[in-house]
Amino acid sequence: MSDWSLYIIRTAHNQLYTGITTDVARRLLQHQAGKGAKALRGKGDLRLAFCQPLGDRSLALRLEYRIKQLSRAQKERLIADEAAFTALLESVKNG
């Protein structure tokens, strides 16, 4: 079984992209090479803004979906405040 992680990438224009993977470093390199998500192609310099190991794929998928529903301000809060992320993670785990 692979350990899944959730990551958030910040583009050169300060946009945020959320994804999941079993290898964050590899996935970031793929995105930077233009071989990852179409949403990130041609967006300039990409930086890893947030990364959190989660364990199983199911939890990672559910959390990715929830984060993608959040506003930009809420995503920025998750990146800056560990307690905000923990609270969201617990709400996803508890269904």
PDB file of N, CA and C in Angstrom:
ATOM      1  N   MET A   1       0.838  -1.193   0.000  1.00  0.00           N
ATOM      2  CA  MET A   1       0.000   0.000   0.000  1.00  0.00           C
ATOM      3  C   MET A   1       0.879   1.251   0.000  1.00  0.00           C
ATOM      4  N   SER A   2       0.521   2.230  -0.802  1.00  0.00           N
ATOM      5  CA  SER A   2       1.279   3.477  -0.906  1.00  0.00           C
ATOM      6  C   SER A   2       0.770   4.498   0.100  1.00  0.00           C
ATOM      7  N   ASP A   3       1.668   5.354   0.508  1.00  0.00           N
ATOM      8  CA  ASP A   3       1.275   6.463   1.373  1.00  0.00           C
ATOM      9  C   ASP A   3       0.957   7.667   0.497  1.00  0.00           C
ATOM     10  N   TRP A   4      -0.273   8.114   0.570  1.00  0.00           N
ATOM     11  CA  TRP A   4      -0.728   9.234  -0.246  1.00  0.00           C
ATOM     12  C   TRP A   4      -0.555  10.546   0.499  1.00  0.00           C
ATOM     13  N   SER A   5      -0.243  11.593  -0.262  1.00  0.00           N
ATOM     14  CA  SER A   5      -0.089  12.934   0.294  1.00  0.00           C
ATOM     15  C   SER A   5      -0.932  13.911  -0.507  1.00  0.00           C
ATOM     16  N   LEU A   6      -1.360  14.948   0.160  1.00  0.00           N
ATOM     17  CA  LEU A   6      -2.057  16.056  -0.479  1.00  0.00           C
ATOM     18  C   LEU A   6      -1.053  17.198  -0.611  1.00  0.00           C
ATOM     19  N   TYR A   7      -1.079  17.901  -1.732  1.00  0.00           N
ATOM     20  CA  TYR A   7      -0.167  19.028  -1.918  1.00  0.00           C
ATOM     21  C   TYR A   7      -0.912  20.207  -2.534  1.00  0.00           C
ATOM     22  N   ILE A   8      -0.380  21.387  -2.280  1.00  0.00           N
ATOM     23  CA  ILE A   8      -0.894  22.602  -2.913  1.00  0.00           C
ATOM     24  C   ILE A   8       0.291  23.313  -3.549  1.00  0.00           C
ATOM     25  N   ILE A   9       0.153  23.635  -4.823  1.00  0.00           N
ATOM     26  CA  ILE A   9       1.194  24.335  -5.577  1.00  0.00           C
ATOM     27  C   ILE A   9       0.750  25.769  -5.806  1.00  0.00           C
ATOM     28  N   ARG A  10       1.705  26.695  -5.678  1.00  0.00           N
ATOM     29  CA  ARG A  10       1.460  28.109  -5.963  1.00  0.00           C
ATOM     30  C   ARG A  10       2.166  28.452  -7.274  1.00  0.00           C
ATOM     31  N   THR A  11       1.419  29.075  -8.206  1.00  0.00           N
ATOM     32  CA  THR A  11       1.997  29.451  -9.496  1.00  0.00           C
ATOM     33  C   THR A  11       2.668  30.824  -9.388  1.00  0.00           C
ATOM     34  N   ALA A  12       3.337  31.207 -10.459  1.00  0.00           N
ATOM     35  CA  ALA A  12       4.003  32.509 -10.505  1.00  0.00           C
ATOM     36  C   ALA A  12       2.997  33.648 -10.364  1.00  0.00           C
ATOM     37  N   HIS A  13       1.756  33.411 -10.768  1.00  0.00           N
ATOM     38  CA  HIS A  13       0.707  34.435 -10.677  1.00  0.00           C
ATOM     39  C   HIS A  13      -0.122  34.273  -9.407  1.00  0.00           C
ATOM     40  N   ASN A  14       0.413  33.506  -8.459  1.00  0.00           N
ATOM     41  CA  ASN A  14      -0.176  33.344  -7.137  1.00  0.00           C
ATOM     42  C   ASN A  14      -1.489  32.548  -7.139  1.00  0.00           C
ATOM     43  N   GLN A  15      -1.704  31.738  -8.168  1.00  0.00           N
ATOM     44  CA  GLN A  15      -2.860  30.844  -8.180  1.00  0.00           C
ATOM     45  C   GLN A  15      -2.500  29.599  -7.376  1.00  0.00           C
ATOM     46  N   LEU A  16      -3.511  28.915  -6.850  1.00  0.00           N
ATOM     47  CA  LEU A  16      -3.287  27.705  -6.066  1.00  0.00           C
ATOM     48  C   LEU A  16      -3.888  26.496  -6.773  1.00  0.00           C
ATOM     49  N   TYR A  17      -3.131  25.409  -6.777  1.00  0.00           N
ATOM     50  CA  TYR A  17      -3.573  24.154  -7.379  1.00  0.00           C
ATOM     51  C   TYR A  17      -3.416  23.055  -6.340  1.00  0.00           C
ATOM     52  N   THR A  18      -4.445  22.249  -6.150  1.00  0.00           N
ATOM     53  CA  THR A  18      -4.431  21.175  -5.168  1.00  0.00           C
ATOM     54  C   THR A  18      -4.439  19.821  -5.867  1.00  0.00           C
ATOM     55  N   GLY A  19      -3.618  18.894  -5.360  1.00  0.00           N
ATOM     56  CA  GLY A  19      -3.579  17.551  -5.922  1.00  0.00           C
ATOM     57  C   GLY A  19      -3.159  16.538  -4.878  1.00  0.00           C
ATOM     58  N   ILE A  20      -3.174  15.260  -5.286  1.00  0.00           N
ATOM     59  CA  ILE A  20      -2.709  14.182  -4.410  1.00  0.00           C
ATOM     60  C   ILE A  20      -1.725  13.316  -5.191  1.00  0.00           C
ATOM     61  N   THR A  21      -0.832  12.658  -4.471  1.00  0.00           N
ATOM     62  CA  THR A  21       0.166  11.802  -5.095  1.00  0.00           C
ATOM     63  C   THR A  21       0.812  10.914  -4.045  1.00  0.00           C
ATOM     64  N   THR A  22       1.553   9.925  -4.510  1.00  0.00           N
ATOM     65  CA  THR A  22       2.336   9.095  -3.598  1.00  0.00           C
ATOM     66  C   THR A  22       3.780   9.581  -3.523  1.00  0.00           C
ATOM     67  N   ASP A  23       4.157  10.516  -4.395  1.00  0.00           N
ATOM     68  CA  ASP A  23       5.527  11.053  -4.417  1.00  0.00           C
ATOM     69  C   ASP A  23       5.458  12.535  -4.782  1.00  0.00           C
ATOM     70  N   VAL A  24       5.450  13.388  -3.782  1.00  0.00           N
ATOM     71  CA  VAL A  24       5.266  14.828  -4.000  1.00  0.00           C
ATOM     72  C   VAL A  24       6.404  15.417  -4.822  1.00  0.00           C
ATOM     73  N   ALA A  25       7.638  15.068  -4.522  1.00  0.00           N
ATOM     74  CA  ALA A  25       8.785  15.623  -5.253  1.00  0.00           C
ATOM     75  C   ALA A  25       8.707  15.275  -6.740  1.00  0.00           C
ATOM     76  N   ARG A  26       8.397  14.018  -7.048  1.00  0.00           N
ATOM     77  CA  ARG A  26       8.268  13.591  -8.445  1.00  0.00           C
ATOM     78  C   ARG A  26       7.142  14.337  -9.135  1.00  0.00           C
ATOM     79  N   ARG A  27       6.018  14.463  -8.452  1.00  0.00           N
ATOM     80  CA  ARG A  27       4.852  15.116  -9.055  1.00  0.00           C
ATOM     81  C   ARG A  27       5.116  16.594  -9.316  1.00  0.00           C
ATOM     82  N   LEU A  28       5.799  17.259  -8.382  1.00  0.00           N
ATOM     83  CA  LEU A  28       6.138  18.664  -8.587  1.00  0.00           C
ATOM     84  C   LEU A  28       7.041  18.816  -9.810  1.00  0.00           C
ATOM     85  N   LEU A  29       8.020  17.932  -9.958  1.00  0.00           N
ATOM     86  CA  LEU A  29       8.899  17.973 -11.137  1.00  0.00           C
ATOM     87  C   LEU A  29       8.105  17.754 -12.425  1.00  0.00           C
ATOM     88  N   GLN A  30       7.139  16.847 -12.394  1.00  0.00           N
ATOM     89  CA  GLN A  30       6.290  16.625 -13.569  1.00  0.00           C
ATOM     90  C   GLN A  30       5.519  17.889 -13.921  1.00  0.00           C
ATOM     91  N   HIS A  31       4.943  18.531 -12.908  1.00  0.00           N
ATOM     92  CA  HIS A  31       4.196  19.769 -13.161  1.00  0.00           C
ATOM     93  C   HIS A  31       5.124  20.840 -13.726  1.00  0.00           C
ATOM     94  N   GLN A  32       6.306  20.985 -13.159  1.00  0.00           N
ATOM     95  CA  GLN A  32       7.246  22.004 -13.613  1.00  0.00           C
ATOM     96  C   GLN A  32       7.718  21.747 -15.042  1.00  0.00           C
ATOM     97  N   ALA A  33       7.772  20.474 -15.444  1.00  0.00           N
ATOM     98  CA  ALA A  33       8.185  20.117 -16.797  1.00  0.00           C
ATOM     99  C   ALA A  33       7.038  20.208 -17.801  1.00  0.00           C
ATOM    100  N   GLY A  34       5.838  20.578 -17.334  1.00  0.00           N
ATOM    101  CA  GLY A  34       4.687  20.683 -18.228  1.00  0.00           C
ATOM    102  C   GLY A  34       4.041  19.350 -18.537  1.00  0.00           C
ATOM    103  N   LYS A  35       4.377  18.313 -17.776  1.00  0.00           N
ATOM    104  CA  LYS A  35       3.837  16.976 -18.019  1.00  0.00           C
ATOM    105  C   LYS A  35       2.794  16.581 -16.985  1.00  0.00           C
ATOM    106  N   GLY A  36       2.406  17.517 -16.135  1.00  0.00           N
ATOM    107  CA  GLY A  36       1.403  17.245 -15.109  1.00  0.00           C
ATOM    108  C   GLY A  36       0.047  17.758 -15.556  1.00  0.00           C
ATOM    109  N   ALA A  37      -0.677  18.341 -14.649  1.00  0.00           N
ATOM    110  CA  ALA A  37      -2.025  18.840 -14.912  1.00  0.00           C
ATOM    111  C   ALA A  37      -2.019  19.954 -15.956  1.00  0.00           C
ATOM    112  N   LYS A  38      -2.987  19.914 -16.856  1.00  0.00           N
ATOM    113  CA  LYS A  38      -3.110  20.961 -17.876  1.00  0.00           C
ATOM    114  C   LYS A  38      -3.298  22.332 -17.245  1.00  0.00           C
ATOM    115  N   ALA A  39      -3.946  22.366 -16.090  1.00  0.00           N
ATOM    116  CA  ALA A  39      -4.215  23.641 -15.413  1.00  0.00           C
ATOM    117  C   ALA A  39      -2.936  24.370 -15.028  1.00  0.00           C
ATOM    118  N   LEU A  40      -1.818  23.663 -14.943  1.00  0.00           N
ATOM    119  CA  LEU A  40      -0.558  24.291 -14.531  1.00  0.00           C
ATOM    120  C   LEU A  40       0.391  24.569 -15.689  1.00  0.00           C
ATOM    121  N   ARG A  41       0.064  24.104 -16.869  1.00  0.00           N
ATOM    122  CA  ARG A  41       0.953  24.307 -18.018  1.00  0.00           C
ATOM    123  C   ARG A  41       0.996  25.783 -18.406  1.00  0.00           C
ATOM    124  N   GLY A  42       2.208  26.290 -18.570  1.00  0.00           N
ATOM    125  CA  GLY A  42       2.396  27.672 -18.972  1.00  0.00           C
ATOM    126  C   GLY A  42       2.137  28.680 -17.870  1.00  0.00           C
ATOM    127  N   LYS A  43       2.114  28.250 -16.629  1.00  0.00           N
ATOM    128  CA  LYS A  43       1.823  29.148 -15.500  1.00  0.00           C
ATOM    129  C   LYS A  43       3.090  29.705 -14.862  1.00  0.00           C
ATOM    130  N   GLY A  44       4.242  29.464 -15.470  1.00  0.00           N
ATOM    131  CA  GLY A  44       5.489  30.013 -14.935  1.00  0.00           C
ATOM    132  C   GLY A  44       6.032  29.170 -13.800  1.00  0.00           C
ATOM    133  N   ASP A  45       6.810  29.799 -12.944  1.00  0.00           N
ATOM    134  CA  ASP A  45       7.449  29.129 -11.822  1.00  0.00           C
ATOM    135  C   ASP A  45       6.408  28.535 -10.883  1.00  0.00           C
ATOM    136  N   LEU A  46       6.583  27.275 -10.530  1.00  0.00           N
ATOM    137  CA  LEU A  46       5.669  26.585  -9.609  1.00  0.00           C
ATOM    138  C   LEU A  46       6.416  26.273  -8.321  1.00  0.00           C
ATOM    139  N   ARG A  47       5.773  26.573  -7.195  1.00  0.00           N
ATOM    140  CA  ARG A  47       6.378  26.302  -5.886  1.00  0.00           C
ATOM    141  C   ARG A  47       5.417  25.489  -5.038  1.00  0.00           C
ATOM    142  N   LEU A  48       5.983  24.583  -4.274  1.00  0.00           N
ATOM    143  CA  LEU A  48       5.182  23.802  -3.351  1.00  0.00           C
ATOM    144  C   LEU A  48       4.822  24.697  -2.168  1.00  0.00           C
ATOM    145  N   ALA A  49       3.529  24.943  -1.975  1.00  0.00           N
ATOM    146  CA  ALA A  49       3.070  25.814  -0.890  1.00  0.00           C
ATOM    147  C   ALA A  49       2.685  25.019   0.348  1.00  0.00           C
ATOM    148  N   PHE A  50       2.268  23.762   0.139  1.00  0.00           N
ATOM    149  CA  PHE A  50       1.769  22.956   1.253  1.00  0.00           C
ATOM    150  C   PHE A  50       1.850  21.491   0.872  1.00  0.00           C
ATOM    151  N   CYS A  51       2.171  20.659   1.860  1.00  0.00           N
ATOM    152  CA  CYS A  51       2.209  19.217   1.643  1.00  0.00           C
ATOM    153  C   CYS A  51       1.887  18.537   2.959  1.00  0.00           C
ATOM    154  N   GLN A  52       1.018  17.525   2.904  1.00  0.00           N
ATOM    155  CA  GLN A  52       0.640  16.797   4.112  1.00  0.00           C
ATOM    156  C   GLN A  52       0.450  15.318   3.778  1.00  0.00           C
ATOM    157  N   PRO A  53       1.244  14.435   4.382  1.00  0.00           N
ATOM    158  CA  PRO A  53       0.992  13.003   4.189  1.00  0.00           C
ATOM    159  C   PRO A  53      -0.316  12.597   4.864  1.00  0.00           C
ATOM    160  N   LEU A  54      -1.078  11.732   4.191  1.00  0.00           N
ATOM    161  CA  LEU A  54      -2.394  11.355   4.707  1.00  0.00           C
ATOM    162  C   LEU A  54      -2.568   9.859   4.885  1.00  0.00           C
ATOM    163  N   GLY A  55      -1.782   9.067   4.216  1.00  0.00           N
ATOM    164  CA  GLY A  55      -1.928   7.621   4.336  1.00  0.00           C
ATOM    165  C   GLY A  55      -2.685   7.030   3.167  1.00  0.00           C
ATOM    166  N   ASP A  56      -3.968   6.786   3.361  1.00  0.00           N
ATOM    167  CA  ASP A  56      -4.708   6.068   2.321  1.00  0.00           C
ATOM    168  C   ASP A  56      -5.288   6.991   1.243  1.00  0.00           C
ATOM    169  N   ARG A  57      -5.485   6.410   0.067  1.00  0.00           N
ATOM    170  CA  ARG A  57      -5.939   7.151  -1.104  1.00  0.00           C
ATOM    171  C   ARG A  57      -7.350   7.710  -0.918  1.00  0.00           C
ATOM    172  N   SER A  58      -8.211   6.954  -0.291  1.00  0.00           N
ATOM    173  CA  SER A  58      -9.589   7.385  -0.098  1.00  0.00           C
ATOM    174  C   SER A  58      -9.657   8.698   0.685  1.00  0.00           C
ATOM    175  N   LEU A  59      -8.933   8.768   1.781  1.00  0.00           N
ATOM    176  CA  LEU A  59      -8.907   9.997   2.572  1.00  0.00           C
ATOM    177  C   LEU A  59      -8.309  11.143   1.765  1.00  0.00           C
ATOM    178  N   ALA A  60      -7.244  10.869   1.040  1.00  0.00           N
ATOM    179  CA  ALA A  60      -6.597  11.904   0.224  1.00  0.00           C
ATOM    180  C   ALA A  60      -7.563  12.463  -0.822  1.00  0.00           C
ATOM    181  N   LEU A  61      -8.307  11.578  -1.475  1.00  0.00           N
ATOM    182  CA  LEU A  61      -9.276  12.015  -2.489  1.00  0.00           C
ATOM    183  C   LEU A  61     -10.393  12.863  -1.882  1.00  0.00           C
ATOM    184  N   ARG A  62     -10.915  12.421  -0.746  1.00  0.00           N
ATOM    185  CA  ARG A  62     -11.997  13.169  -0.095  1.00  0.00           C
ATOM    186  C   ARG A  62     -11.516  14.548   0.346  1.00  0.00           C
ATOM    187  N   LEU A  63     -10.306  14.622   0.894  1.00  0.00           N
ATOM    188  CA  LEU A  63      -9.773  15.903   1.346  1.00  0.00           C
ATOM    189  C   LEU A  63      -9.460  16.818   0.158  1.00  0.00           C
ATOM    190  N   GLU A  64      -8.909  16.258  -0.913  1.00  0.00           N
ATOM    191  CA  GLU A  64      -8.636  17.042  -2.119  1.00  0.00           C
ATOM    192  C   GLU A  64      -9.934  17.671  -2.637  1.00  0.00           C
ATOM    193  N   TYR A  65     -10.992  16.884  -2.697  1.00  0.00           N
ATOM    194  CA  TYR A  65     -12.282  17.388  -3.166  1.00  0.00           C
ATOM    195  C   TYR A  65     -12.764  18.553  -2.293  1.00  0.00           C
ATOM    196  N   ARG A  66     -12.695  18.377  -0.979  1.00  0.00           N
ATOM    197  CA  ARG A  66     -13.150  19.432  -0.061  1.00  0.00           C
ATOM    198  C   ARG A  66     -12.342  20.705  -0.222  1.00  0.00           C
ATOM    199  N   ILE A  67     -11.032  20.574  -0.356  1.00  0.00           N
ATOM    200  CA  ILE A  67     -10.183  21.762  -0.504  1.00  0.00           C
ATOM    201  C   ILE A  67     -10.490  22.475  -1.815  1.00  0.00           C
ATOM    202  N   LYS A  68     -10.740  21.724  -2.867  1.00  0.00           N
ATOM    203  CA  LYS A  68     -11.053  22.344  -4.157  1.00  0.00           C
ATOM    204  C   LYS A  68     -12.368  23.122  -4.111  1.00  0.00           C
ATOM    205  N   GLN A  69     -13.224  22.841  -3.137  1.00  0.00           N
ATOM    206  CA  GLN A  69     -14.487  23.571  -2.979  1.00  0.00           C
ATOM    207  C   GLN A  69     -14.317  24.864  -2.188  1.00  0.00           C
ATOM    208  N   LEU A  70     -13.167  25.044  -1.548  1.00  0.00           N
ATOM    209  CA  LEU A  70     -12.942  26.211  -0.690  1.00  0.00           C
ATOM    210  C   LEU A  70     -12.619  27.459  -1.500  1.00  0.00           C
ATOM    211  N   SER A  71     -12.849  28.601  -0.883  1.00  0.00           N
ATOM    212  CA  SER A  71     -12.457  29.877  -1.499  1.00  0.00           C
ATOM    213  C   SER A  71     -10.945  30.025  -1.401  1.00  0.00           C
ATOM    214  N   ARG A  72     -10.419  30.961  -2.140  1.00  0.00           N
ATOM    215  CA  ARG A  72      -8.979  31.226  -2.086  1.00  0.00           C
ATOM    216  C   ARG A  72      -8.542  31.600  -0.668  1.00  0.00           C
ATOM    217  N   ALA A  73      -9.310  32.444  -0.011  1.00  0.00           N
ATOM    218  CA  ALA A  73      -8.969  32.867   1.355  1.00  0.00           C
ATOM    219  C   ALA A  73      -8.931  31.671   2.299  1.00  0.00           C
ATOM    220  N   GLN A  74      -9.869  30.753   2.145  1.00  0.00           N
ATOM    221  CA  GLN A  74      -9.888  29.563   2.995  1.00  0.00           C
ATOM    222  C   GLN A  74      -8.678  28.662   2.716  1.00  0.00           C
ATOM    223  N   LYS A  75      -8.292  28.557   1.455  1.00  0.00           N
ATOM    224  CA  LYS A  75      -7.105  27.768   1.106  1.00  0.00           C
ATOM    225  C   LYS A  75      -5.843  28.405   1.695  1.00  0.00           C
ATOM    226  N   GLU A  76      -5.757  29.719   1.617  1.00  0.00           N
ATOM    227  CA  GLU A  76      -4.605  30.423   2.189  1.00  0.00           C
ATOM    228  C   GLU A  76      -4.548  30.189   3.702  1.00  0.00           C
ATOM    229  N   ARG A  77      -5.690  30.151   4.348  1.00  0.00           N
ATOM    230  CA  ARG A  77      -5.752  29.898   5.790  1.00  0.00           C
ATOM    231  C   ARG A  77      -5.235  28.489   6.102  1.00  0.00           C
ATOM    232  N   LEU A  78      -5.592  27.508   5.281  1.00  0.00           N
ATOM    233  CA  LEU A  78      -5.106  26.142   5.485  1.00  0.00           C
ATOM    234  C   LEU A  78      -3.586  26.069   5.361  1.00  0.00           C
ATOM    235  N   ILE A  79      -3.048  26.807   4.399  1.00  0.00           N
ATOM    236  CA  ILE A  79      -1.600  26.814   4.182  1.00  0.00           C
ATOM    237  C   ILE A  79      -0.878  27.450   5.367  1.00  0.00           C
ATOM    238  N   ALA A  80      -1.443  28.518   5.893  1.00  0.00           N
ATOM    239  CA  ALA A  80      -0.779  29.296   6.952  1.00  0.00           C
ATOM    240  C   ALA A  80      -1.031  28.774   8.361  1.00  0.00           C
ATOM    241  N   ASP A  81      -2.142  28.082   8.562  1.00  0.00           N
ATOM    242  CA  ASP A  81      -2.563  27.733   9.921  1.00  0.00           C
ATOM    243  C   ASP A  81      -2.779  26.226  10.053  1.00  0.00           C
ATOM    244  N   GLU A  82      -1.875  25.565  10.736  1.00  0.00           N
ATOM    245  CA  GLU A  82      -1.962  24.112  10.909  1.00  0.00           C
ATOM    246  C   GLU A  82      -3.263  23.693  11.586  1.00  0.00           C
ATOM    247  N   ALA A  83      -3.749  24.499  12.520  1.00  0.00           N
ATOM    248  CA  ALA A  83      -4.992  24.173  13.229  1.00  0.00           C
ATOM    249  C   ALA A  83      -6.184  24.173  12.260  1.00  0.00           C
ATOM    250  N   ALA A  84      -6.196  25.082  11.299  1.00  0.00           N
ATOM    251  CA  ALA A  84      -7.283  25.126  10.317  1.00  0.00           C
ATOM    252  C   ALA A  84      -7.260  23.868   9.462  1.00  0.00           C
ATOM    253  N   PHE A  85      -6.060  23.443   9.062  1.00  0.00           N
ATOM    254  CA  PHE A  85      -5.954  22.215   8.277  1.00  0.00           C
ATOM    255  C   PHE A  85      -6.402  21.012   9.093  1.00  0.00           C
ATOM    256  N   THR A  86      -5.954  20.942  10.323  1.00  0.00           N
ATOM    257  CA  THR A  86      -6.319  19.826  11.200  1.00  0.00           C
ATOM    258  C   THR A  86      -7.835  19.739  11.380  1.00  0.00           C
ATOM    259  N   ALA A  87      -8.480  20.887  11.560  1.00  0.00           N
ATOM    260  CA  ALA A  87      -9.931  20.908  11.721  1.00  0.00           C
ATOM    261  C   ALA A  87     -10.631  20.390  10.456  1.00  0.00           C
ATOM    262  N   LEU A  88     -10.167  20.812   9.292  1.00  0.00           N
ATOM    263  CA  LEU A  88     -10.752  20.329   8.047  1.00  0.00           C
ATOM    264  C   LEU A  88     -10.513  18.826   7.883  1.00  0.00           C
ATOM    265  N   LEU A  89      -9.317  18.372   8.188  1.00  0.00           N
ATOM    266  CA  LEU A  89      -8.991  16.962   8.092  1.00  0.00           C
ATOM    267  C   LEU A  89      -9.912  16.132   8.996  1.00  0.00           C
ATOM    268  N   GLU A  90     -10.124  16.578  10.199  1.00  0.00           N
ATOM    269  CA  GLU A  90     -11.004  15.855  11.134  1.00  0.00           C
ATOM    270  C   GLU A  90     -12.439  15.825  10.628  1.00  0.00           C
ATOM    271  N   SER A  91     -12.901  16.916  10.027  1.00  0.00           N
ATOM    272  CA  SER A  91     -14.276  16.938   9.516  1.00  0.00           C
ATOM    273  C   SER A  91     -14.422  15.970   8.343  1.00  0.00           C
ATOM    274  N   VAL A  92     -13.378  15.833   7.525  1.00  0.00           N
ATOM    275  CA  VAL A  92     -13.428  14.888   6.401  1.00  0.00           C
ATOM    276  C   VAL A  92     -13.383  13.455   6.926  1.00  0.00           C
ATOM    277  N   LYS A  93     -12.540  13.201   7.910  1.00  0.00           N
ATOM    278  CA  LYS A  93     -12.442  11.852   8.476  1.00  0.00           C
ATOM    279  C   LYS A  93     -13.763  11.413   9.113  1.00  0.00           C
ATOM    280  N   ASN A  94     -14.440  12.357   9.751  1.00  0.00           N
ATOM    281  CA  ASN A  94     -15.676  12.043  10.468  1.00  0.00           C
ATOM    282  C   ASN A  94     -16.910  12.084   9.574  1.00  0.00           C
ATOM    283  N   GLY A  95     -16.690  12.412   8.314  1.00  0.00           N
ATOM    284  CA  GLY A  95     -17.745  12.333   7.343  1.00  0.00           C
ATOM    285  C   GLY A  95     -18.763  13.383   7.362  1.00  0.00           C
TER     286      GLY A  95
END
